[in-house]
Amino acid sequence: VVCLSAGSWAQNAPPTDAQRAAQVDDNQIVSCLLPARVRKLGGIVY
């Protein structure tokens, strides 16, 4: 647990999740969890 005062060791702080997301290349191959397809069987939708 690290509580930072303003600007302290900012250069050494690990990147945030948002910063890491921004670093992902659009052409990078990933394991994509796709949304579930919705099916209908008779009167049942699942």
All heavy atoms as atom14 arrays in JSON, in Angstrom:
{
  "sequence": "VVCLSAGSWAQNAPPTDAQRAAQVDDNQIVSCLLPARVRKLGGIVY",
  "atom14_mask": [
    [1, 1, 1, 1, 1, 1, 1, 0, 0, 0, 0, 0, 0, 0],
    [1, 1, 1, 1, 1, 1, 1, 0, 0, 0, 0, 0, 0, 0],
    [1, 1, 1, 1, 1, 1, 0, 0, 0, 0, 0, 0, 0, 0],
    [1, 1, 1, 1, 1, 1, 1, 1, 0, 0, 0, 0, 0, 0],
    [1, 1, 1, 1, 1, 1, 0, 0, 0, 0, 0, 0, 0, 0],
    [1, 1, 1, 1, 1, 0, 0, 0, 0, 0, 0, 0, 0, 0],
    [1, 1, 1, 1, 0, 0, 0, 0, 0, 0, 0, 0, 0, 0],
    [1, 1, 1, 1, 1, 1, 0, 0, 0, 0, 0, 0, 0, 0],
    [1, 1, 1, 1, 1, 1, 1, 1, 1, 1, 1, 1, 1, 1],
    [1, 1, 1, 1, 1, 0, 0, 0, 0, 0, 0, 0, 0, 0],
    [1, 1, 1, 1, 1, 1, 1, 1, 1, 0, 0, 0, 0, 0],
    [1, 1, 1, 1, 1, 1, 1, 1, 0, 0, 0, 0, 0, 0],
    [1, 1, 1, 1, 1, 0, 0, 0, 0, 0, 0, 0, 0, 0],
    [1, 1, 1, 1, 1, 1, 1, 0, 0, 0, 0, 0, 0, 0],
    [1, 1, 1, 1, 1, 1, 1, 0, 0, 0, 0, 0, 0, 0],
    [1, 1, 1, 1, 1, 1, 1, 0, 0, 0, 0, 0, 0, 0],
    [1, 1, 1, 1, 1, 1, 1, 1, 0, 0, 0, 0, 0, 0],
    [1, 1, 1, 1, 1, 0, 0, 0, 0, 0, 0, 0, 0, 0],
    [1, 1, 1, 1, 1, 1, 1, 1, 1, 0, 0, 0, 0, 0],
    [1, 1, 1, 1, 1, 1, 1, 1, 1, 1, 1, 0, 0, 0],
    [1, 1, 1, 1, 1, 0, 0, 0, 0, 0, 0, 0, 0, 0],
    [1, 1, 1, 1, 1, 0, 0, 0, 0, 0, 0, 0, 0, 0],
    [1, 1, 1, 1, 1, 1, 1, 1, 1, 0, 0, 0, 0, 0],
    [1, 1, 1, 1, 1, 1, 1, 0, 0, 0, 0, 0, 0, 0],
    [1, 1, 1, 1, 1, 1, 1, 1, 0, 0, 0, 0, 0, 0],
    [1, 1, 1, 1, 1, 1, 1, 1, 0, 0, 0, 0, 0, 0],
    [1, 1, 1, 1, 1, 1, 1, 1, 0, 0, 0, 0, 0, 0],
    [1, 1, 1, 1, 1, 1, 1, 1, 1, 0, 0, 0, 0, 0],
    [1, 1, 1, 1, 1, 1, 1, 1, 0, 0, 0, 0, 0, 0],
    [1, 1, 1, 1, 1, 1, 1, 0, 0, 0, 0, 0, 0, 0],
    [1, 1, 1, 1, 1, 1, 0, 0, 0, 0, 0, 0, 0, 0],
    [1, 1, 1, 1, 1, 1, 0, 0, 0, 0, 0, 0, 0, 0],
    [1, 1, 1, 1, 1, 1, 1, 1, 0, 0, 0, 0, 0, 0],
    [1, 1, 1, 1, 1, 1, 1, 1, 0, 0, 0, 0, 0, 0],
    [1, 1, 1, 1, 1, 1, 1, 0, 0, 0, 0, 0, 0, 0],
    [1, 1, 1, 1, 1, 0, 0, 0, 0, 0, 0, 0, 0, 0],
    [1, 1, 1, 1, 1, 1, 1, 1, 1, 1, 1, 0, 0, 0],
    [1, 1, 1, 1, 1, 1, 1, 0, 0, 0, 0, 0, 0, 0],
    [1, 1, 1, 1, 1, 1, 1, 1, 1, 1, 1, 0, 0, 0],
    [1, 1, 1, 1, 1, 1, 1, 1, 1, 0, 0, 0, 0, 0],
    [1, 1, 1, 1, 1, 1, 1, 1, 0, 0, 0, 0, 0, 0],
    [1, 1, 1, 1, 0, 0, 0, 0, 0, 0, 0, 0, 0, 0],
    [1, 1, 1, 1, 0, 0, 0, 0, 0, 0, 0, 0, 0, 0],
    [1, 1, 1, 1, 1, 1, 1, 1, 0, 0, 0, 0, 0, 0],
    [1, 1, 1, 1, 1, 1, 1, 0, 0, 0, 0, 0, 0, 0],
    [1, 1, 1, 1, 1, 1, 1, 1, 1, 1, 1, 1, 0, 0]
  ],
  "atom14_positions": [
    [[0.86, -1.17, 0.0], [0.0, 0.0, 0.0], [0.89, 1.22, 0.0], [1.75, 1.36, 0.86], [-0.9, 0.04, 1.25], [-1.79, 1.27, 1.21], [-1.75, -1.23, 1.3], [0.0, 0.0, 0.0], [0.0, 0.0, 0.0], [0.0, 0.0, 0.0], [0.0, 0.0, 0.0], [0.0, 0.0, 0.0], [0.0, 0.0, 0.0], [0.0, 0.0, 0.0]],
    [[0.72, 2.1, -0.96], [1.54, 3.29, -1.05], [0.64, 4.51, -1.18], [-0.16, 4.58, -2.09], [2.49, 3.25, -2.26], [3.37, 4.48, -2.28], [3.34, 1.99, -2.21], [0.0, 0.0, 0.0], [0.0, 0.0, 0.0], [0.0, 0.0, 0.0], [0.0, 0.0, 0.0], [0.0, 0.0, 0.0], [0.0, 0.0, 0.0], [0.0, 0.0, 0.0]],
    [[0.77, 5.42, -0.24], [0.02, 6.67, -0.3], [0.99, 7.74, -0.76], [2.01, 7.97, -0.13], [-0.53, 7.02, 1.09], [-1.69, 5.78, 1.72], [0.0, 0.0, 0.0], [0.0, 0.0, 0.0], [0.0, 0.0, 0.0], [0.0, 0.0, 0.0], [0.0, 0.0, 0.0], [0.0, 0.0, 0.0], [0.0, 0.0, 0.0], [0.0, 0.0, 0.0]],
    [[0.66, 8.41, -1.83], [1.59, 9.35, -2.45], [1.21, 10.79, -2.13], [0.05, 11.15, -2.18], [1.57, 9.18, -3.97], [2.0, 7.81, -4.51], [1.86, 7.84, -6.02], [3.42, 7.54, -4.12], [0.0, 0.0, 0.0], [0.0, 0.0, 0.0], [0.0, 0.0, 0.0], [0.0, 0.0, 0.0], [0.0, 0.0, 0.0], [0.0, 0.0, 0.0]],
    [[2.2, 11.59, -1.79], [2.0, 13.04, -1.77], [2.13, 13.52, -3.21], [2.67, 12.82, -4.05], [3.05, 13.7, -0.88], [4.35, 13.39, -1.33], [0.0, 0.0, 0.0], [0.0, 0.0, 0.0], [0.0, 0.0, 0.0], [0.0, 0.0, 0.0], [0.0, 0.0, 0.0], [0.0, 0.0, 0.0], [0.0, 0.0, 0.0], [0.0, 0.0, 0.0]],
    [[1.64, 14.71, -3.48], [1.59, 15.18, -4.85], [2.97, 15.18, -5.48], [3.9, 15.79, -4.96], [1.02, 16.6, -4.88], [0.0, 0.0, 0.0], [0.0, 0.0, 0.0], [0.0, 0.0, 0.0], [0.0, 0.0, 0.0], [0.0, 0.0, 0.0], [0.0, 0.0, 0.0], [0.0, 0.0, 0.0], [0.0, 0.0, 0.0], [0.0, 0.0, 0.0]],
    [[3.1, 14.46, -6.6], [4.33, 14.46, -7.37], [5.44, 13.59, -6.83], [6.5, 13.53, -7.42], [0.0, 0.0, 0.0], [0.0, 0.0, 0.0], [0.0, 0.0, 0.0], [0.0, 0.0, 0.0], [0.0, 0.0, 0.0], [0.0, 0.0, 0.0], [0.0, 0.0, 0.0], [0.0, 0.0, 0.0], [0.0, 0.0, 0.0], [0.0, 0.0, 0.0]],
    [[5.27, 12.88, -5.69], [6.37, 12.1, -5.13], [6.59, 10.85, -5.94], [5.65, 10.15, -6.28], [6.06, 11.73, -3.67], [4.96, 10.87, -3.59], [0.0, 0.0, 0.0], [0.0, 0.0, 0.0], [0.0, 0.0, 0.0], [0.0, 0.0, 0.0], [0.0, 0.0, 0.0], [0.0, 0.0, 0.0], [0.0, 0.0, 0.0], [0.0, 0.0, 0.0]],
    [[7.85, 10.55, -6.23], [8.34, 9.46, -7.09], [7.39, 9.12, -8.24], [7.18, 7.97, -8.58], [8.73, 8.21, -6.3], [7.72, 7.61, -5.36], [7.5, 7.93, -4.07], [6.82, 6.53, -5.64], [6.52, 7.14, -3.53], [6.09, 6.27, -4.46], [6.56, 5.74, -6.74], [5.13, 5.29, -4.37], [5.6, 4.76, -6.64], [4.89, 4.55, -5.46]],
    [[6.83, 10.16, -8.87], [5.87, 9.94, -9.96], [6.51, 9.17, -11.12], [5.85, 8.37, -11.78], [5.35, 11.28, -10.47], [0.0, 0.0, 0.0], [0.0, 0.0, 0.0], [0.0, 0.0, 0.0], [0.0, 0.0, 0.0], [0.0, 0.0, 0.0], [0.0, 0.0, 0.0], [0.0, 0.0, 0.0], [0.0, 0.0, 0.0], [0.0, 0.0, 0.0]],
    [[7.8, 9.42, -11.34], [8.45, 8.75, -12.45], [8.59, 7.26, -12.2], [8.68, 6.48, -13.14], [9.82, 9.39, -12.7], [9.74, 10.83, -13.17], [11.12, 11.41, -13.41], [12.12, 10.84, -13.02], [11.15, 12.55, -14.07], [0.0, 0.0, 0.0], [0.0, 0.0, 0.0], [0.0, 0.0, 0.0], [0.0, 0.0, 0.0], [0.0, 0.0, 0.0]],
    [[8.64, 6.86, -10.93], [8.82, 5.45, -10.61], [7.51, 4.71, -10.38], [7.51, 3.49, -10.25], [9.67, 5.31, -9.34], [11.1, 5.77, -9.57], [11.63, 5.58, -10.64], [11.7, 6.39, -8.57], [0.0, 0.0, 0.0], [0.0, 0.0, 0.0], [0.0, 0.0, 0.0], [0.0, 0.0, 0.0], [0.0, 0.0, 0.0], [0.0, 0.0, 0.0]],
    [[6.39, 5.44, -10.3], [5.12, 4.79, -9.99], [4.71, 3.87, -11.13], [4.85, 4.21, -12.3], [4.04, 5.85, -9.77], [0.0, 0.0, 0.0], [0.0, 0.0, 0.0], [0.0, 0.0, 0.0], [0.0, 0.0, 0.0], [0.0, 0.0, 0.0], [0.0, 0.0, 0.0], [0.0, 0.0, 0.0], [0.0, 0.0, 0.0], [0.0, 0.0, 0.0]],
    [[4.18, 2.67, -10.82], [3.72, 1.77, -11.88], [2.58, 2.4, -12.66], [1.79, 3.16, -12.11], [3.24, 0.53, -11.1], [3.9, 0.63, -9.76], [4.03, 2.1, -9.48], [0.0, 0.0, 0.0], [0.0, 0.0, 0.0], [0.0, 0.0, 0.0], [0.0, 0.0, 0.0], [0.0, 0.0, 0.0], [0.0, 0.0, 0.0], [0.0, 0.0, 0.0]],
    [[2.47, 2.1, -13.97], [1.38, 2.68, -14.77], [0.04, 2.18, -14.29], [-0.09, 1.07, -13.77], [1.7, 2.2, -16.19], [2.57, 1.01, -16.01], [3.36, 1.25, -14.76], [0.0, 0.0, 0.0], [0.0, 0.0, 0.0], [0.0, 0.0, 0.0], [0.0, 0.0, 0.0], [0.0, 0.0, 0.0], [0.0, 0.0, 0.0], [0.0, 0.0, 0.0]],
    [[-0.97, 3.01, -14.46], [-2.33, 2.63, -14.07], [-2.91, 1.68, -15.12], [-2.38, 1.52, -16.22], [-3.22, 3.87, -13.96], [-3.33, 4.47, -15.25], [-2.63, 4.88, -12.99], [0.0, 0.0, 0.0], [0.0, 0.0, 0.0], [0.0, 0.0, 0.0], [0.0, 0.0, 0.0], [0.0, 0.0, 0.0], [0.0, 0.0, 0.0], [0.0, 0.0, 0.0]],
    [[-4.07, 1.05, -14.77], [-4.73, 0.16, -15.71], [-5.13, 0.9, -16.99], [-5.04, 0.36, -18.1], [-5.97, -0.47, -15.08], [-5.61, -1.46, -13.98], [-4.43, -1.88, -13.94], [-6.49, -1.81, -13.18], [0.0, 0.0, 0.0], [0.0, 0.0, 0.0], [0.0, 0.0, 0.0], [0.0, 0.0, 0.0], [0.0, 0.0, 0.0], [0.0, 0.0, 0.0]],
    [[-5.57, 2.15, -16.82], [-5.96, 2.94, -17.99], [-4.76, 3.19, -18.9], [-4.86, 3.14, -20.13], [-6.6, 4.26, -17.55], [0.0, 0.0, 0.0], [0.0, 0.0, 0.0], [0.0, 0.0, 0.0], [0.0, 0.0, 0.0], [0.0, 0.0, 0.0], [0.0, 0.0, 0.0], [0.0, 0.0, 0.0], [0.0, 0.0, 0.0], [0.0, 0.0, 0.0]],
    [[-3.6, 3.47, -18.27], [-2.39, 3.7, -19.07], [-1.96, 2.42, -19.78], [-1.52, 2.46, -20.93], [-1.27, 4.21, -18.16], [-1.5, 5.62, -17.65], [-0.5, 6.02, -16.58], [0.0, 5.19, -15.84], [-0.18, 7.31, -16.53], [0.0, 0.0, 0.0], [0.0, 0.0, 0.0], [0.0, 0.0, 0.0], [0.0, 0.0, 0.0], [0.0, 0.0, 0.0]],
    [[-2.09, 1.28, -19.09], [-1.73, 0.01, -19.72], [-2.67, -0.3, -20.9], [-2.24, -0.81, -21.93], [-1.77, -1.13, -18.7], [-0.71, -1.01, -17.62], [-0.76, -2.2, -16.68], [0.13, -2.02, -15.56], [1.44, -2.23, -15.58], [2.01, -2.61, -16.7], [2.17, -2.04, -14.52], [0.0, 0.0, 0.0], [0.0, 0.0, 0.0], [0.0, 0.0, 0.0]],
    [[-3.95, -0.01, -20.72], [-4.92, -0.25, -21.79], [-4.58, 0.6, -23.01], [-4.74, 0.15, -24.15], [-6.32, 0.06, -21.29], [0.0, 0.0, 0.0], [0.0, 0.0, 0.0], [0.0, 0.0, 0.0], [0.0, 0.0, 0.0], [0.0, 0.0, 0.0], [0.0, 0.0, 0.0], [0.0, 0.0, 0.0], [0.0, 0.0, 0.0], [0.0, 0.0, 0.0]],
    [[-4.14, 1.82, -22.76], [-3.8, 2.71, -23.87], [-2.57, 2.23, -24.62], [-2.36, 2.58, -25.79], [-3.57, 4.13, -23.34], [0.0, 0.0, 0.0], [0.0, 0.0, 0.0], [0.0, 0.0, 0.0], [0.0, 0.0, 0.0], [0.0, 0.0, 0.0], [0.0, 0.0, 0.0], [0.0, 0.0, 0.0], [0.0, 0.0, 0.0], [0.0, 0.0, 0.0]],
    [[-1.73, 1.39, -23.96], [-0.51, 0.91, -24.59], [-0.74, -0.33, -25.45], [0.15, -0.76, -26.17], [0.53, 0.58, -23.5], [1.02, 1.81, -22.75], [1.88, 1.44, -21.54], [2.1, 0.27, -21.27], [2.35, 2.45, -20.83], [0.0, 0.0, 0.0], [0.0, 0.0, 0.0], [0.0, 0.0, 0.0], [0.0, 0.0, 0.0], [0.0, 0.0, 0.0]],
    [[-1.93, -0.93, -25.38], [-2.22, -2.13, -26.16], [-2.37, -1.76, -27.63], [-3.17, -0.89, -27.99], [-3.51, -2.83, -25.65], [-3.86, -4.01, -26.55], [-3.32, -3.28, -24.21], [0.0, 0.0, 0.0], [0.0, 0.0, 0.0], [0.0, 0.0, 0.0], [0.0, 0.0, 0.0], [0.0, 0.0, 0.0], [0.0, 0.0, 0.0], [0.0, 0.0, 0.0]],
    [[-1.63, -2.44, -28.49], [-1.69, -2.19, -29.92], [-2.99, -2.77, -30.5], [-3.39, -3.89, -30.14], [-0.49, -2.82, -30.62], [-0.42, -2.42, -32.07], [-1.06, -3.1, -32.89], [0.27, -1.43, -32.4], [0.0, 0.0, 0.0], [0.0, 0.0, 0.0], [0.0, 0.0, 0.0], [0.0, 0.0, 0.0], [0.0, 0.0, 0.0], [0.0, 0.0, 0.0]],
    [[-3.64, -2.03, -31.4], [-4.9, -2.49, -31.98], [-4.73, -3.81, -32.73], [-5.68, -4.61, -32.82], [-5.47, -1.44, -32.93], [-6.09, -0.28, -32.18], [-6.36, -0.43, -30.97], [-6.31, 0.78, -32.8], [0.0, 0.0, 0.0], [0.0, 0.0, 0.0], [0.0, 0.0, 0.0], [0.0, 0.0, 0.0], [0.0, 0.0, 0.0], [0.0, 0.0, 0.0]],
    [[-3.53, -4.06, -33.26], [-3.29, -5.27, -34.05], [-2.77, -6.43, -33.21], [-2.49, -7.5, -33.75], [-2.32, -4.97, -35.19], [-2.89, -3.98, -36.19], [-4.07, -4.08, -36.55], [-2.09, -3.03, -36.62], [0.0, 0.0, 0.0], [0.0, 0.0, 0.0], [0.0, 0.0, 0.0], [0.0, 0.0, 0.0], [0.0, 0.0, 0.0], [0.0, 0.0, 0.0]],
    [[-2.63, -6.23, -31.92], [-2.16, -7.29, -31.04], [-3.2, -8.4, -30.94], [-4.39, -8.14, -30.75], [-1.86, -6.73, -29.64], [-1.41, -7.76, -28.63], [-1.13, -7.12, -27.28], [-0.81, -5.93, -27.19], [-1.27, -7.9, -26.22], [0.0, 0.0, 0.0], [0.0, 0.0, 0.0], [0.0, 0.0, 0.0], [0.0, 0.0, 0.0], [0.0, 0.0, 0.0]],
    [[-2.77, -9.65, -31.09], [-3.68, -10.78, -30.98], [-3.94, -11.06, -29.5], [-3.01, -11.21, -28.71], [-3.12, -12.03, -31.67], [-2.85, -11.74, -33.16], [-4.07, -13.2, -31.52], [-4.09, -11.36, -33.93], [0.0, 0.0, 0.0], [0.0, 0.0, 0.0], [0.0, 0.0, 0.0], [0.0, 0.0, 0.0], [0.0, 0.0, 0.0], [0.0, 0.0, 0.0]],
    [[-5.21, -11.14, -29.14], [-5.59, -11.36, -27.75], [-6.59, -12.51, -27.65], [-7.19, -12.93, -28.64], [-6.21, -10.08, -27.14], [-5.21, -8.94, -27.14], [-7.49, -9.7, -27.88], [0.0, 0.0, 0.0], [0.0, 0.0, 0.0], [0.0, 0.0, 0.0], [0.0, 0.0, 0.0], [0.0, 0.0, 0.0], [0.0, 0.0, 0.0], [0.0, 0.0, 0.0]],
    [[-6.73, -13.04, -26.42], [-7.78, -14.02, -26.16], [-9.04, -13.25, -25.82], [-9.19, -12.72, -24.71], [-7.38, -14.95, -25.0], [-6.26, -15.72, -25.36], [0.0, 0.0, 0.0], [0.0, 0.0, 0.0], [0.0, 0.0, 0.0], [0.0, 0.0, 0.0], [0.0, 0.0, 0.0], [0.0, 0.0, 0.0], [0.0, 0.0, 0.0], [0.0, 0.0, 0.0]],
    [[-9.93, -13.16, -26.77], [-11.12, -12.32, -26.64], [-12.3, -13.14, -26.13], [-12.66, -14.18, -26.71], [-11.45, -11.71, -28.0], [-12.89, -10.63, -27.98], [0.0, 0.0, 0.0], [0.0, 0.0, 0.0], [0.0, 0.0, 0.0], [0.0, 0.0, 0.0], [0.0, 0.0, 0.0], [0.0, 0.0, 0.0], [0.0, 0.0, 0.0], [0.0, 0.0, 0.0]],
    [[-12.87, -12.68, -25.01], [-14.08, -13.31, -24.49], [-15.28, -12.6, -25.09], [-15.62, -11.48, -24.7], [-14.11, -13.23, -22.96], [-15.25, -13.96, -22.26], [-15.22, -15.46, -22.57], [-15.19, -13.73, -20.75], [0.0, 0.0, 0.0], [0.0, 0.0, 0.0], [0.0, 0.0, 0.0], [0.0, 0.0, 0.0], [0.0, 0.0, 0.0], [0.0, 0.0, 0.0]],
    [[-15.91, -13.26, -26.06], [-17.0, -12.64, -26.8], [-18.3, -12.62, -25.98], [-18.5, -13.46, -25.1], [-17.24, -13.4, -28.1], [-16.08, -13.36, -29.11], [-16.35, -14.33, -30.25], [-15.87, -11.94, -29.62], [0.0, 0.0, 0.0], [0.0, 0.0, 0.0], [0.0, 0.0, 0.0], [0.0, 0.0, 0.0], [0.0, 0.0, 0.0], [0.0, 0.0, 0.0]],
    [[-19.18, -11.66, -26.28], [-20.48, -11.65, -25.6], [-21.27, -12.92, -25.94], [-21.09, -13.52, -26.99], [-21.18, -10.41, -26.18], [-20.08, -9.57, -26.74], [-19.03, -10.52, -27.21], [0.0, 0.0, 0.0], [0.0, 0.0, 0.0], [0.0, 0.0, 0.0], [0.0, 0.0, 0.0], [0.0, 0.0, 0.0], [0.0, 0.0, 0.0], [0.0, 0.0, 0.0]],
    [[-22.1, -13.33, -25.01], [-22.9, -14.54, -25.23], [-23.95, -14.31, -26.32], [-24.63, -13.27, -26.32], [-23.57, -14.95, -23.93], [0.0, 0.0, 0.0], [0.0, 0.0, 0.0], [0.0, 0.0, 0.0], [0.0, 0.0, 0.0], [0.0, 0.0, 0.0], [0.0, 0.0, 0.0], [0.0, 0.0, 0.0], [0.0, 0.0, 0.0], [0.0, 0.0, 0.0]],
    [[-24.07, -15.27, -27.22], [-25.17, -15.21, -28.19], [-26.47, -15.65, -27.5], [-26.45, -16.51, -26.62], [-24.87, -16.14, -29.37], [-23.7, -15.66, -30.21], [-23.5, -16.53, -31.43], [-23.16, -17.91, -31.08], [-22.74, -18.81, -31.96], [-22.65, -18.49, -33.25], [-22.46, -20.03, -31.58], [0.0, 0.0, 0.0], [0.0, 0.0, 0.0], [0.0, 0.0, 0.0]],
    [[-27.57, -15.02, -27.88], [-28.87, -15.32, -27.27], [-29.64, -16.24, -28.2], [-29.79, -15.96, -29.39], [-29.67, -14.03, -27.01], [-31.03, -14.37, -26.39], [-28.89, -13.09, -26.11], [0.0, 0.0, 0.0], [0.0, 0.0, 0.0], [0.0, 0.0, 0.0], [0.0, 0.0, 0.0], [0.0, 0.0, 0.0], [0.0, 0.0, 0.0], [0.0, 0.0, 0.0]],
    [[-30.11, -17.34, -27.64], [-30.84, -18.33, -28.43], [-32.29, -18.44, -27.93], [-32.59, -18.09, -26.79], [-30.13, -19.69, -28.34], [-28.71, -19.67, -28.88], [-28.09, -21.05, -28.77], [-28.74, -22.0, -29.67], [-28.42, -22.18, -30.95], [-27.45, -21.43, -31.49], [-29.06, -23.06, -31.68], [0.0, 0.0, 0.0], [0.0, 0.0, 0.0], [0.0, 0.0, 0.0]],
    [[-33.12, -18.96, -28.83], [-34.52, -19.17, -28.46], [-34.92, -20.59, -28.83], [-34.68, -21.05, -29.95], [-35.42, -18.16, -29.17], [-36.9, -18.32, -28.79], [-37.76, -17.25, -29.44], [-39.22, -17.42, -29.02], [-40.09, -16.4, -29.64], [0.0, 0.0, 0.0], [0.0, 0.0, 0.0], [0.0, 0.0, 0.0], [0.0, 0.0, 0.0], [0.0, 0.0, 0.0]],
    [[-35.48, -21.26, -27.85], [-35.98, -22.61, -28.08], [-37.44, -22.64, -27.65], [-37.75, -22.63, -26.46], [-35.16, -23.64, -27.29], [-35.63, -25.09, -27.4], [-35.55, -25.59, -28.85], [-34.8, -25.98, -26.48], [0.0, 0.0, 0.0], [0.0, 0.0, 0.0], [0.0, 0.0, 0.0], [0.0, 0.0, 0.0], [0.0, 0.0, 0.0], [0.0, 0.0, 0.0]],
    [[-38.33, -22.65, -28.64], [-39.76, -22.56, -28.31], [-40.04, -21.23, -27.64], [-39.76, -20.17, -28.18], [0.0, 0.0, 0.0], [0.0, 0.0, 0.0], [0.0, 0.0, 0.0], [0.0, 0.0, 0.0], [0.0, 0.0, 0.0], [0.0, 0.0, 0.0], [0.0, 0.0, 0.0], [0.0, 0.0, 0.0], [0.0, 0.0, 0.0], [0.0, 0.0, 0.0]],
    [[-40.54, -21.29, -26.42], [-40.82, -20.06, -25.69], [-39.71, -19.68, -24.72], [-39.88, -18.77, -23.91], [0.0, 0.0, 0.0], [0.0, 0.0, 0.0], [0.0, 0.0, 0.0], [0.0, 0.0, 0.0], [0.0, 0.0, 0.0], [0.0, 0.0, 0.0], [0.0, 0.0, 0.0], [0.0, 0.0, 0.0], [0.0, 0.0, 0.0], [0.0, 0.0, 0.0]],
    [[-38.58, -20.4, -24.82], [-37.48, -20.14, -23.88], [-36.38, -19.37, -24.6], [-35.92, -19.76, -25.67], [-36.91, -21.46, -23.33], [-38.0, -22.26, -22.61], [-35.73, -21.2, -22.38], [-37.54, -23.64, -22.17], [0.0, 0.0, 0.0], [0.0, 0.0, 0.0], [0.0, 0.0, 0.0], [0.0, 0.0, 0.0], [0.0, 0.0, 0.0], [0.0, 0.0, 0.0]],
    [[-35.99, -18.28, -23.99], [-34.88, -17.48, -24.5], [-33.74, -17.58, -23.48], [-33.95, -17.35, -22.29], [-35.29, -16.01, -24.69], [-34.09, -15.18, -25.14], [-36.44, -15.91, -25.69], [0.0, 0.0, 0.0], [0.0, 0.0, 0.0], [0.0, 0.0, 0.0], [0.0, 0.0, 0.0], [0.0, 0.0, 0.0], [0.0, 0.0, 0.0], [0.0, 0.0, 0.0]],
    [[-32.55, -17.92, -23.96], [-31.44, -18.11, -23.03], [-30.11, -17.73, -23.71], [-30.0, -17.82, -24.94], [-31.37, -19.55, -22.54], [-31.08, -20.56, -23.63], [-29.78, -20.99, -23.88], [-32.12, -21.07, -24.43], [-29.52, -21.9, -24.89], [-31.87, -21.98, -25.43], [-30.55, -22.4, -25.66], [-30.3, -23.29, -26.67], [0.0, 0.0, 0.0], [0.0, 0.0, 0.0]]
  ]
}
